Amino acid sequence: MVAVMFVPGQASADSAELRIAGTIAPSPCTPAFTGGGVVDYGKIPAKSLNSTAQTTLADKTIQLSVTCDAPLLFGFKVIDERASTAVTSLTTIAGYAPNKKFGLGASDGKNIGAYSLVVASQTADGGSATSIGTMNGGVNWATHPPGFGLMADGGEIISTRVDGQGPSARRSGTADIRVVTAIDKGSNLPLTHAIPLDGLSTFELVYL
């Protein structure tokens, strides 16, 4: 019989670790807005603005479409890139909290106004779908009233449900986004020169 003895301290204590890294990503989805993603109010005459109260512009609607290589669970959230310029005291949609009023930029240090976004309707793979949202990363989902999908800066994730309680996998989808814009009272703005509206929101896809 041959005995093999392992003596502590004789083996080298030096070591090197090998880690295996990487990410298995879902099939990509591509978002796109109609009209290049521009909501254009055209030329707004300064004399048309109310000098002592806000001026609410006519509602506009723009469509977001998402196309994927395979059926996926996805949603989107919105980030206001001009949040510091939002005049949150203005009324866009009744009852909307400050984080649901997005900035329109500033001119000569004066904030121009605010706008809010509503998911008016959604589709999934060409059929009708119910708009739902989550404020806790998908743990709980709430159904939006028809035509009133709330959209908050960086908070809520919006998705769709065809059946069941949570979001449904889909290869494509659309969301009609209603834009409600209010300009601050004319006396607060530098109306001696042109003031460009400069709202900017990023719609970020979220894979669920």
C-alpha atoms as a PDB file:
ATOM      1  CA  MET A   1       0.000   0.000   0.000  1.00  0.00           C
ATOM      2  CA  VAL A   2       1.280   3.408  -0.914  1.00  0.00           C
ATOM      3  CA  ALA A   3       0.345   6.332   1.302  1.00  0.00           C
ATOM      4  CA  VAL A   4       0.159   9.882   0.043  1.00  0.00           C
ATOM      5  CA  MET A   5       0.609  12.525   2.681  1.00  0.00           C
ATOM      6  CA  PHE A   6      -0.378  16.170   2.227  1.00  0.00           C
ATOM      7  CA  VAL A   7       1.731  18.353   4.407  1.00  0.00           C
ATOM      8  CA  PRO A   8       0.292  21.819   5.257  1.00  0.00           C
ATOM      9  CA  GLY A   9       2.444  24.681   4.210  1.00  0.00           C
ATOM     10  CA  GLN A  10       4.211  22.943   1.365  1.00  0.00           C
ATOM     11  CA  ALA A  11       1.714  23.938  -1.371  1.00  0.00           C
ATOM     12  CA  SER A  12       1.869  27.447  -2.829  1.00  0.00           C
ATOM     13  CA  ALA A  13      -0.687  29.904  -1.413  1.00  0.00           C
ATOM     14  CA  ASP A  14      -0.638  32.038  -4.579  1.00  0.00           C
ATOM     15  CA  SER A  15      -3.780  31.862  -6.703  1.00  0.00           C
ATOM     16  CA  ALA A  16      -5.573  33.506  -9.597  1.00  0.00           C
ATOM     17  CA  GLU A  17      -9.290  33.656 -10.195  1.00  0.00           C
ATOM     18  CA  LEU A  18     -11.110  33.190 -13.476  1.00  0.00           C
ATOM     19  CA  ARG A  19     -14.540  34.797 -13.672  1.00  0.00           C
ATOM     20  CA  ILE A  20     -17.084  34.188 -16.410  1.00  0.00           C
ATOM     21  CA  ALA A  21     -19.001  37.349 -17.288  1.00  0.00           C
ATOM     22  CA  GLY A  22     -21.498  38.497 -19.859  1.00  0.00           C
ATOM     23  CA  THR A  23     -25.169  39.252 -20.274  1.00  0.00           C
ATOM     24  CA  ILE A  24     -27.852  37.301 -22.069  1.00  0.00           C
ATOM     25  CA  ALA A  25     -29.831  40.093 -23.671  1.00  0.00           C
ATOM     26  CA  PRO A  26     -33.352  39.887 -25.054  1.00  0.00           C
ATOM     27  CA  SER A  27     -33.930  40.270 -28.761  1.00  0.00           C
ATOM     28  CA  PRO A  28     -33.664  43.984 -29.457  1.00  0.00           C
ATOM     29  CA  CYS A  29     -36.650  46.296 -29.762  1.00  0.00           C
ATOM     30  CA  THR A  30     -36.620  49.496 -31.761  1.00  0.00           C
ATOM     31  CA  PRO A  31     -38.655  52.532 -30.654  1.00  0.00           C
ATOM     32  CA  ALA A  32     -39.616  55.337 -33.032  1.00  0.00           C
ATOM     33  CA  PHE A  33     -41.861  58.386 -32.988  1.00  0.00           C
ATOM     34  CA  THR A  34     -43.956  59.624 -35.885  1.00  0.00           C
ATOM     35  CA  GLY A  35     -42.816  62.922 -37.322  1.00  0.00           C
ATOM     36  CA  GLY A  36     -39.283  62.414 -36.056  1.00  0.00           C
ATOM     37  CA  GLY A  37     -40.402  62.855 -32.457  1.00  0.00           C
ATOM     38  CA  VAL A  38     -41.164  66.574 -32.758  1.00  0.00           C
ATOM     39  CA  VAL A  39     -44.342  68.164 -31.393  1.00  0.00           C
ATOM     40  CA  ASP A  40     -44.364  71.515 -33.189  1.00  0.00           C
ATOM     41  CA  TYR A  41     -46.658  74.347 -32.092  1.00  0.00           C
ATOM     42  CA  GLY A  42     -45.413  76.581 -34.882  1.00  0.00           C
ATOM     43  CA  LYS A  43     -45.287  80.345 -34.426  1.00  0.00           C
ATOM     44  CA  ILE A  44     -47.127  81.576 -31.328  1.00  0.00           C
ATOM     45  CA  PRO A  45     -47.705  85.363 -31.448  1.00  0.00           C
ATOM     46  CA  ALA A  46     -46.622  87.042 -28.225  1.00  0.00           C
ATOM     47  CA  LYS A  47     -49.839  89.099 -28.269  1.00  0.00           C
ATOM     48  CA  SER A  48     -51.849  85.869 -28.063  1.00  0.00           C
ATOM     49  CA  LEU A  49     -50.440  85.090 -24.623  1.00  0.00           C
ATOM     50  CA  ASN A  50     -52.412  86.045 -21.541  1.00  0.00           C
ATOM     51  CA  SER A  51     -50.360  88.633 -19.638  1.00  0.00           C
ATOM     52  CA  THR A  52     -51.833  87.813 -16.208  1.00  0.00           C
ATOM     53  CA  ALA A  53     -52.555  84.068 -16.394  1.00  0.00           C
ATOM     54  CA  GLN A  54     -51.243  80.989 -18.151  1.00  0.00           C
ATOM     55  CA  THR A  55     -52.004  80.253 -21.786  1.00  0.00           C
ATOM     56  CA  THR A  56     -52.943  76.652 -22.533  1.00  0.00           C
ATOM     57  CA  LEU A  57     -52.105  75.558 -26.060  1.00  0.00           C
ATOM     58  CA  ALA A  58     -54.209  73.175 -28.138  1.00  0.00           C
ATOM     59  CA  ASP A  59     -53.611  69.504 -27.346  1.00  0.00           C
ATOM     60  CA  LYS A  60     -51.422  67.546 -29.720  1.00  0.00           C
ATOM     61  CA  THR A  61     -50.901  63.804 -30.170  1.00  0.00           C
ATOM     62  CA  ILE A  62     -47.837  61.882 -31.278  1.00  0.00           C
ATOM     63  CA  GLN A  63     -47.461  58.117 -31.711  1.00  0.00           C
ATOM     64  CA  LEU A  64     -44.674  55.971 -30.293  1.00  0.00           C
ATOM     65  CA  SER A  65     -44.163  52.609 -32.002  1.00  0.00           C
ATOM     66  CA  VAL A  66     -41.985  49.738 -30.789  1.00  0.00           C
ATOM     67  CA  THR A  67     -40.959  46.779 -32.952  1.00  0.00           C
ATOM     68  CA  CYS A  68     -39.118  43.717 -31.600  1.00  0.00           C
ATOM     69  CA  ASP A  69     -37.452  40.704 -33.223  1.00  0.00           C
ATOM     70  CA  ALA A  70     -39.487  38.324 -31.037  1.00  0.00           C
ATOM     71  CA  PRO A  71     -42.367  38.583 -28.544  1.00  0.00           C
ATOM     72  CA  LEU A  72     -41.043  40.251 -25.402  1.00  0.00           C
ATOM     73  CA  LEU A  73     -42.218  41.756 -22.149  1.00  0.00           C
ATOM     74  CA  PHE A  74     -41.321  45.422 -22.338  1.00  0.00           C
ATOM     75  CA  GLY A  75     -42.473  48.845 -21.271  1.00  0.00           C
ATOM     76  CA  PHE A  76     -41.148  52.375 -21.260  1.00  0.00           C
ATOM     77  CA  LYS A  77     -40.501  55.205 -18.870  1.00  0.00           C
ATOM     78  CA  VAL A  78     -40.029  58.904 -19.497  1.00  0.00           C
ATOM     79  CA  ILE A  79     -37.167  61.134 -18.359  1.00  0.00           C
ATOM     80  CA  ASP A  80     -37.634  64.912 -18.444  1.00  0.00           C
ATOM     81  CA  GLU A  81     -34.390  66.406 -19.738  1.00  0.00           C
ATOM     82  CA  ARG A  82     -35.593  69.933 -18.861  1.00  0.00           C
ATOM     83  CA  ALA A  83     -37.015  69.151 -15.422  1.00  0.00           C
ATOM     84  CA  SER A  84     -35.352  72.129 -13.748  1.00  0.00           C
ATOM     85  CA  THR A  85     -37.307  74.537 -15.977  1.00  0.00           C
ATOM     86  CA  ALA A  86     -40.816  73.199 -15.350  1.00  0.00           C
ATOM     87  CA  VAL A  87     -43.254  75.816 -14.030  1.00  0.00           C
ATOM     88  CA  THR A  88     -45.075  73.330 -11.818  1.00  0.00           C
ATOM     89  CA  SER A  89     -47.592  75.903 -10.578  1.00  0.00           C
ATOM     90  CA  LEU A  90     -49.276  75.874 -13.994  1.00  0.00           C
ATOM     91  CA  THR A  91     -52.302  73.678 -14.686  1.00  0.00           C
ATOM     92  CA  THR A  92     -51.760  71.148 -17.464  1.00  0.00           C
ATOM     93  CA  ILE A  93     -54.110  68.316 -16.520  1.00  0.00           C
ATOM     94  CA  ALA A  94     -56.253  68.743 -13.431  1.00  0.00           C
ATOM     95  CA  GLY A  95     -54.788  66.930 -10.443  1.00  0.00           C
ATOM     96  CA  TYR A  96     -51.386  66.325 -12.013  1.00  0.00           C
ATOM     97  CA  ALA A  97     -48.551  66.380  -9.446  1.00  0.00           C
ATOM     98  CA  PRO A  98     -45.378  68.453 -10.030  1.00  0.00           C
ATOM     99  CA  ASN A  99     -43.407  65.413 -11.254  1.00  0.00           C
ATOM    100  CA  LYS A 100     -45.950  65.018 -14.052  1.00  0.00           C
ATOM    101  CA  LYS A 101     -45.272  68.535 -15.377  1.00  0.00           C
ATOM    102  CA  PHE A 102     -42.252  68.665 -17.667  1.00  0.00           C
ATOM    103  CA  GLY A 103     -40.096  71.686 -18.509  1.00  0.00           C
ATOM    104  CA  LEU A 104     -40.182  73.759 -21.699  1.00  0.00           C
ATOM    105  CA  GLY A 105     -36.761  75.313 -21.253  1.00  0.00           C
ATOM    106  CA  ALA A 106     -35.868  78.869 -20.273  1.00  0.00           C
ATOM    107  CA  SER A 107     -35.121  82.207 -21.912  1.00  0.00           C
ATOM    108  CA  ASP A 108     -33.139  84.968 -20.214  1.00  0.00           C
ATOM    109  CA  GLY A 109     -33.375  82.998 -17.004  1.00  0.00           C
ATOM    110  CA  LYS A 110     -37.178  82.821 -17.156  1.00  0.00           C
ATOM    111  CA  ASN A 111     -38.826  79.402 -17.269  1.00  0.00           C
ATOM    112  CA  ILE A 112     -41.282  79.237 -20.155  1.00  0.00           C
ATOM    113  CA  GLY A 113     -43.941  76.834 -18.938  1.00  0.00           C
ATOM    114  CA  ALA A 114     -44.787  73.155 -18.560  1.00  0.00           C
ATOM    115  CA  TYR A 115     -46.295  70.240 -20.442  1.00  0.00           C
ATOM    116  CA  SER A 116     -47.741  66.896 -19.435  1.00  0.00           C
ATOM    117  CA  LEU A 117     -48.040  63.586 -21.252  1.00  0.00           C
ATOM    118  CA  VAL A 118     -50.945  61.152 -21.310  1.00  0.00           C
ATOM    119  CA  VAL A 119     -51.070  57.682 -22.828  1.00  0.00           C
ATOM    120  CA  ALA A 120     -54.327  58.054 -24.728  1.00  0.00           C
ATOM    121  CA  SER A 121     -54.358  54.491 -26.114  1.00  0.00           C
ATOM    122  CA  GLN A 122     -52.097  51.524 -26.791  1.00  0.00           C
ATOM    123  CA  THR A 123     -52.023  48.506 -29.089  1.00  0.00           C
ATOM    124  CA  ALA A 124     -50.222  45.169 -28.874  1.00  0.00           C
ATOM    125  CA  ASP A 125     -49.413  43.258 -32.078  1.00  0.00           C
ATOM    126  CA  GLY A 126     -52.029  45.273 -33.930  1.00  0.00           C
ATOM    127  CA  GLY A 127     -54.850  44.598 -31.481  1.00  0.00           C
ATOM    128  CA  SER A 128     -56.305  46.650 -28.653  1.00  0.00           C
ATOM    129  CA  ALA A 129     -54.582  46.522 -25.278  1.00  0.00           C
ATOM    130  CA  THR A 130     -55.048  47.942 -21.796  1.00  0.00           C
ATOM    131  CA  SER A 131     -52.525  50.478 -20.532  1.00  0.00           C
ATOM    132  CA  ILE A 132     -50.964  49.565 -17.177  1.00  0.00           C
ATOM    133  CA  GLY A 133     -48.253  51.087 -15.023  1.00  0.00           C
ATOM    134  CA  THR A 134     -45.935  50.245 -12.143  1.00  0.00           C
ATOM    135  CA  MET A 135     -44.155  52.503  -9.673  1.00  0.00           C
ATOM    136  CA  ASN A 136     -42.105  49.737  -8.021  1.00  0.00           C
ATOM    137  CA  GLY A 137     -40.261  48.103 -10.885  1.00  0.00           C
ATOM    138  CA  GLY A 138     -42.972  45.619 -11.807  1.00  0.00           C
ATOM    139  CA  VAL A 139     -43.851  44.219  -8.373  1.00  0.00           C
ATOM    140  CA  ASN A 140     -47.360  45.664  -8.645  1.00  0.00           C
ATOM    141  CA  TRP A 141     -49.246  46.859 -11.712  1.00  0.00           C
ATOM    142  CA  ALA A 142     -52.221  49.211 -11.873  1.00  0.00           C
ATOM    143  CA  THR A 143     -54.685  49.593 -14.722  1.00  0.00           C
ATOM    144  CA  HIS A 144     -54.952  53.076 -16.199  1.00  0.00           C
ATOM    145  CA  PRO A 145     -58.394  54.506 -16.863  1.00  0.00           C
ATOM    146  CA  PRO A 146     -59.081  54.551 -20.644  1.00  0.00           C
ATOM    147  CA  GLY A 147     -57.344  57.531 -22.210  1.00  0.00           C
ATOM    148  CA  PHE A 148     -55.625  58.557 -18.987  1.00  0.00           C
ATOM    149  CA  GLY A 149     -52.287  56.807 -18.639  1.00  0.00           C
ATOM    150  CA  LEU A 150     -50.263  58.872 -16.183  1.00  0.00           C
ATOM    151  CA  MET A 151     -46.671  59.642 -17.071  1.00  0.00           C
ATOM    152  CA  ALA A 152     -44.224  60.893 -14.445  1.00  0.00           C
ATOM    153  CA  ASP A 153     -40.620  62.007 -14.786  1.00  0.00           C
ATOM    154  CA  GLY A 154     -38.395  58.942 -14.386  1.00  0.00           C
ATOM    155  CA  GLY A 155     -40.822  57.117 -12.109  1.00  0.00           C
ATOM    156  CA  GLU A 156     -43.553  55.023 -13.644  1.00  0.00           C
ATOM    157  CA  ILE A 157     -43.000  52.224 -16.155  1.00  0.00           C
ATOM    158  CA  ILE A 158     -45.820  52.004 -18.705  1.00  0.00           C
ATOM    159  CA  SER A 159     -46.699  48.707 -20.391  1.00  0.00           C
ATOM    160  CA  THR A 160     -49.753  46.911 -21.814  1.00  0.00           C
ATOM    161  CA  ARG A 161     -51.950  44.012 -20.793  1.00  0.00           C
ATOM    162  CA  VAL A 162     -53.925  41.872 -23.205  1.00  0.00           C
ATOM    163  CA  ASP A 163     -55.086  39.380 -20.579  1.00  0.00           C
ATOM    164  CA  GLY A 164     -54.126  38.437 -17.029  1.00  0.00           C
ATOM    165  CA  GLN A 165     -52.873  40.901 -14.417  1.00  0.00           C
ATOM    166  CA  GLY A 166     -49.390  41.864 -15.593  1.00  0.00           C
ATOM    167  CA  PRO A 167     -47.844  42.926 -18.894  1.00  0.00           C
ATOM    168  CA  SER A 168     -48.211  40.772 -22.004  1.00  0.00           C
ATOM    169  CA  ALA A 169     -45.394  39.733 -24.329  1.00  0.00           C
ATOM    170  CA  ARG A 170     -45.646  41.386 -27.717  1.00  0.00           C
ATOM    171  CA  ARG A 171     -43.638  41.696 -30.900  1.00  0.00           C
ATOM    172  CA  SER A 172     -44.877  45.204 -31.628  1.00  0.00           C
ATOM    173  CA  GLY A 173     -46.926  47.920 -30.030  1.00  0.00           C
ATOM    174  CA  THR A 174     -47.970  51.535 -30.333  1.00  0.00           C
ATOM    175  CA  ALA A 175     -48.821  54.230 -27.819  1.00  0.00           C
ATOM    176  CA  ASP A 176     -50.674  57.410 -28.712  1.00  0.00           C
ATOM    177  CA  ILE A 177     -49.242  60.155 -26.484  1.00  0.00           C
ATOM    178  CA  ARG A 178     -51.376  63.233 -25.839  1.00  0.00           C
ATOM    179  CA  VAL A 179     -49.364  66.389 -25.103  1.00  0.00           C
ATOM    180  CA  VAL A 180     -50.901  69.155 -22.984  1.00  0.00           C
ATOM    181  CA  THR A 181     -48.848  72.363 -22.862  1.00  0.00           C
ATOM    182  CA  ALA A 182     -49.188  75.533 -20.816  1.00  0.00           C
ATOM    183  CA  ILE A 183     -47.180  78.754 -21.210  1.00  0.00           C
ATOM    184  CA  ASP A 184     -46.540  80.952 -18.167  1.00  0.00           C
ATOM    185  CA  LYS A 185     -48.241  84.341 -18.016  1.00  0.00           C
ATOM    186  CA  GLY A 186     -46.811  86.851 -20.451  1.00  0.00           C
ATOM    187  CA  SER A 187     -45.673  89.248 -17.716  1.00  0.00           C
ATOM    188  CA  ASN A 188     -43.179  86.619 -16.539  1.00  0.00           C
ATOM    189  CA  LEU A 189     -41.583  86.167 -19.964  1.00  0.00           C
ATOM    190  CA  PRO A 190     -39.059  88.235 -21.963  1.00  0.00           C
ATOM    191  CA  LEU A 191     -41.386  88.929 -24.900  1.00  0.00           C
ATOM    192  CA  THR A 192     -39.074  91.466 -26.570  1.00  0.00           C
ATOM    193  CA  HIS A 193     -37.463  88.672 -28.622  1.00  0.00           C
ATOM    194  CA  ALA A 194     -38.304  85.215 -29.959  1.00  0.00           C
ATOM    195  CA  ILE A 195     -38.600  82.523 -27.306  1.00  0.00           C
ATOM    196  CA  PRO A 196     -38.161  78.961 -28.580  1.00  0.00           C
ATOM    197  CA  LEU A 197     -40.006  76.179 -26.790  1.00  0.00           C
ATOM    198  CA  ASP A 198     -37.352  73.679 -25.734  1.00  0.00           C
ATOM    199  CA  GLY A 199     -39.043  70.708 -24.107  1.00  0.00           C
ATOM    200  CA  LEU A 200     -37.148  67.426 -24.329  1.00  0.00           C
ATOM    201  CA  SER A 201     -38.202  64.022 -22.971  1.00  0.00           C
ATOM    202  CA  THR A 202     -36.384  60.712 -23.348  1.00  0.00           C
ATOM    203  CA  PHE A 203     -38.574  57.610 -23.700  1.00  0.00           C
ATOM    204  CA  GLU A 204     -36.509  54.705 -22.388  1.00  0.00           C
ATOM    205  CA  LEU A 205     -37.391  51.086 -23.194  1.00  0.00           C
ATOM    206  CA  VAL A 206     -37.466  48.773 -20.182  1.00  0.00           C
ATOM    207  CA  TYR A 207     -37.293  44.972 -20.609  1.00  0.00           C
ATOM    208  CA  LEU A 208     -39.433  43.310 -17.960  1.00  0.00           C
END
